[in-house]
Protein backbone atom coordinates (compact mmCIF):
# COMPACT_ATOMS: atom_id res chain seq x y z
CA UNK A 1 -2.66 9.12 -17.16
CA UNK A 2 -2.16 5.89 -15.22
CA UNK A 3 -3.74 2.60 -16.18
CA UNK A 4 -4.42 -0.13 -13.69
CA UNK A 5 -3.97 -3.51 -15.30
CA UNK A 6 -4.86 -6.88 -13.85
CA UNK A 7 -3.80 -10.31 -15.03
CA UNK A 8 -6.04 -13.26 -14.29
CA UNK A 9 -5.41 -16.95 -14.76
CA UNK A 10 -8.39 -17.42 -17.06
CA UNK A 11 -7.85 -14.37 -19.28
CA UNK A 12 -4.92 -12.30 -20.51
CA UNK A 13 -4.08 -8.95 -18.96
CA UNK A 14 -6.76 -6.32 -19.22
CA UNK A 15 -7.03 -2.69 -18.23
CA UNK A 16 -9.54 -2.25 -15.43
CA UNK A 17 -9.35 1.51 -15.01
CA UNK A 18 -7.65 4.51 -16.56
CA UNK A 19 -7.78 7.58 -14.38
CA UNK A 20 -5.76 10.81 -14.71
CA UNK A 21 -5.70 11.52 -10.95
CA UNK A 22 -3.76 8.27 -10.39
CA UNK A 23 -0.88 9.50 -12.56
CA UNK A 24 1.33 10.74 -9.71
CA UNK A 25 -0.24 8.63 -6.98
CA UNK A 26 0.84 5.50 -5.17
CA UNK A 27 -1.81 2.94 -6.05
CA UNK A 28 -2.72 -0.55 -4.93
CA UNK A 29 -5.54 -3.04 -5.37
CA UNK A 30 -6.78 -4.28 -2.02
CA UNK A 31 -8.15 -7.73 -1.24
CA UNK A 32 -11.77 -6.58 -1.16
CA UNK A 33 -11.90 -5.32 -4.76
CA UNK A 34 -11.03 -1.75 -3.93
CA UNK A 35 -8.28 0.31 -5.43
CA UNK A 36 -6.65 2.77 -3.05
CA UNK A 37 -4.35 5.54 -4.23
CA UNK A 38 -2.61 8.30 -2.34
CA UNK A 39 -1.81 11.56 -4.06
CA UNK A 40 1.16 13.15 -2.31
CA UNK A 41 0.63 16.46 -4.09
CA UNK A 42 -3.13 16.51 -3.41
CA UNK A 43 -2.78 15.19 0.15
CA UNK A 44 -5.70 12.86 -0.37
CA UNK A 45 -6.67 9.25 -0.87
CA UNK A 46 -8.78 7.97 -3.71
CA UNK A 47 -10.76 4.83 -3.12
CA UNK A 48 -12.30 3.14 -6.11
CA UNK A 49 -14.90 0.44 -5.62
CA UNK A 50 -14.49 -2.27 -8.24
CA UNK A 51 -17.40 -4.41 -9.27
CA UNK A 52 -17.20 -7.30 -11.70
CA UNK A 53 -17.77 -5.09 -14.74
CA UNK A 54 -14.42 -4.15 -16.24
CA UNK A 55 -13.28 -1.68 -17.33
CA UNK A 56 -14.55 0.38 -14.41
CA UNK A 57 -16.82 3.35 -14.91
CA UNK A 58 -15.67 6.15 -12.66
CA UNK A 59 -18.43 8.22 -11.08
CA UNK A 60 -19.54 9.47 -7.66
CA UNK A 61 -20.62 6.04 -6.50
CA UNK A 62 -17.43 4.22 -7.51
CA UNK A 63 -14.81 6.85 -6.58
CA UNK A 64 -14.39 8.48 -3.19
CA UNK A 65 -11.92 11.27 -2.47
CA UNK A 66 -10.77 11.31 1.15
CA UNK A 67 -8.61 14.23 2.21
CA UNK A 68 -5.85 13.21 4.60
CA UNK A 69 -6.20 14.60 8.10
CA UNK A 70 -3.60 17.30 8.80
CA UNK A 71 -1.64 15.04 11.19
CA UNK A 72 -1.49 12.28 8.60
CA UNK A 73 -0.55 14.62 5.76
CA UNK A 74 2.39 15.86 7.89
CA UNK A 75 3.52 12.28 8.51
CA UNK A 76 3.58 11.43 4.81
CA UNK A 77 6.65 13.45 3.85
CA UNK A 78 7.06 11.91 0.39
CA UNK A 79 5.02 9.69 -1.92
CA UNK A 80 4.45 6.30 -0.27
CA UNK A 81 6.37 3.45 -1.89
CA UNK A 82 3.64 0.84 -1.34
CA UNK A 83 0.12 0.53 0.05
CA UNK A 84 -1.55 -2.73 1.11
CA UNK A 85 -4.28 -3.99 3.38
CA UNK A 86 -3.94 -6.46 6.18
CA UNK A 87 -5.88 -9.49 7.26
CA UNK A 88 -7.37 -7.28 10.02
CA UNK A 89 -8.69 -4.88 7.31
CA UNK A 90 -6.26 -2.09 8.04
CA UNK A 91 -4.20 -0.24 5.46
CA UNK A 92 -0.43 -0.07 5.69
CA UNK A 93 1.74 2.26 3.69
CA UNK A 94 5.50 2.60 3.57
CA UNK A 95 6.80 6.15 3.51
CA UNK A 96 10.59 6.49 3.70
CA UNK A 97 11.45 6.12 7.43
CA UNK A 98 7.85 5.40 8.46
CA UNK A 99 5.38 2.52 8.31
CA UNK A 100 1.92 3.99 8.79
CA UNK A 101 -1.14 1.90 9.63
CA UNK A 102 -4.60 3.32 8.97
CA UNK A 103 -8.10 2.10 9.59
CA UNK A 104 -10.52 1.81 6.64
CA UNK A 105 -11.58 5.41 7.23
CA UNK A 106 -7.97 6.50 6.64
CA UNK A 107 -7.34 7.50 10.25
CA UNK A 108 -4.01 6.78 11.91
CA UNK A 109 -3.84 3.60 14.00
CA UNK A 110 -0.11 3.11 14.33
CA UNK A 111 3.14 4.72 13.19
CA UNK A 112 6.48 2.94 13.29
CA UNK A 113 9.40 5.25 12.58
CA UNK A 114 13.08 4.41 12.32
CA UNK A 115 15.45 7.26 11.45
CA UNK A 116 17.67 6.28 8.53
CA UNK A 117 15.35 3.56 7.25
CA UNK A 118 13.84 3.50 3.78
CA UNK A 119 10.82 1.22 4.08
CA UNK A 120 9.63 0.07 0.66
CA UNK A 121 8.16 -3.29 -0.34
CA UNK A 122 5.38 -5.04 1.56
CA UNK A 123 3.96 -8.56 1.45
CA UNK A 124 1.74 -10.58 3.75
CA UNK A 125 1.82 -14.24 4.62
CA UNK A 126 -1.35 -16.36 5.02
CA UNK A 127 -1.24 -15.83 8.79
CA UNK A 128 -1.43 -12.04 8.58
CA UNK A 129 2.24 -11.30 9.24
CA UNK A 130 3.50 -8.32 7.26
CA UNK A 131 7.03 -8.32 5.84
CA UNK A 132 8.49 -4.94 4.87
CA UNK A 133 11.82 -4.29 3.21
CA UNK A 134 14.16 -1.65 4.58
CA UNK A 135 16.30 -0.59 1.67
CA UNK A 136 18.81 1.52 3.62
CA UNK A 137 19.30 -0.85 6.54
CA UNK A 138 19.60 -3.99 4.36
CA UNK A 139 16.94 -5.89 6.25
CA UNK A 140 13.42 -7.28 6.25
CA UNK A 141 11.17 -6.30 9.14
CA UNK A 142 8.26 -8.27 10.53
CA UNK A 143 5.07 -6.47 11.57
CA UNK A 144 1.79 -7.87 12.87
CA UNK A 145 -1.48 -7.25 11.06
CA UNK A 146 -2.05 -4.12 13.20
CA UNK A 147 1.15 -2.57 11.90
CA UNK A 148 3.17 -3.04 15.06
CA UNK A 149 6.86 -3.77 14.57
CA UNK A 150 7.82 -7.17 15.94
CA UNK A 151 11.45 -7.79 14.93
CA UNK A 152 13.89 -8.07 12.07
CA UNK A 153 13.83 -11.24 10.00
CA UNK A 154 17.20 -12.96 9.77
CA UNK A 155 18.25 -13.11 6.11
CA UNK A 156 21.76 -13.89 4.97
CA UNK A 157 23.59 -11.50 2.67
CA UNK A 158 20.76 -9.18 1.71
CA UNK A 159 21.66 -5.91 0.08
CA UNK A 160 19.31 -3.01 -0.69
CA UNK A 161 16.00 -4.95 -0.75
CA UNK A 162 13.53 -2.79 -2.67
CA UNK A 163 10.54 -5.10 -2.89
CA UNK A 164 9.24 -8.41 -1.56
CA UNK A 165 6.62 -10.95 -2.56
CA UNK A 166 5.60 -14.47 -1.59
CA UNK A 167 4.69 -17.47 -3.61
CA UNK A 168 1.21 -18.98 -3.54
CA UNK A 169 2.05 -21.72 -1.06
């Protein structure tokens, strides 16, 4: 069973949801108070609507199960490393050699593939730029908020970057 825990400035960490289906899923909290998880084994997304009442009560109105379209399920060849949403309200997930961008209905908008890459960590700057680490190629890639690859970011002496984050500035 996986627990989703949130830490807030005003209160200590607290569990917001415990849900057995999230156990083997890649899970992320999006900016609009939704939790999105992808179950590689089940080939489906779970979307959990979070209100202000924590812990969350899971029922038909709070949890949606969205089966991945066949084309998308074939693209996701292993459990995604990360899932996030963009400033343009799209969902991006990193899946080994692919960066897949979906609309909010979990339909494919864009796929960037680079053979030999291992795309992992994702972060977004305040302007909507998406930075994604490429573990195998020792680089950080810049994508726009629509999931289109722009270019590599020049970073000195980086080796096997697994994750990335930004400070609050």
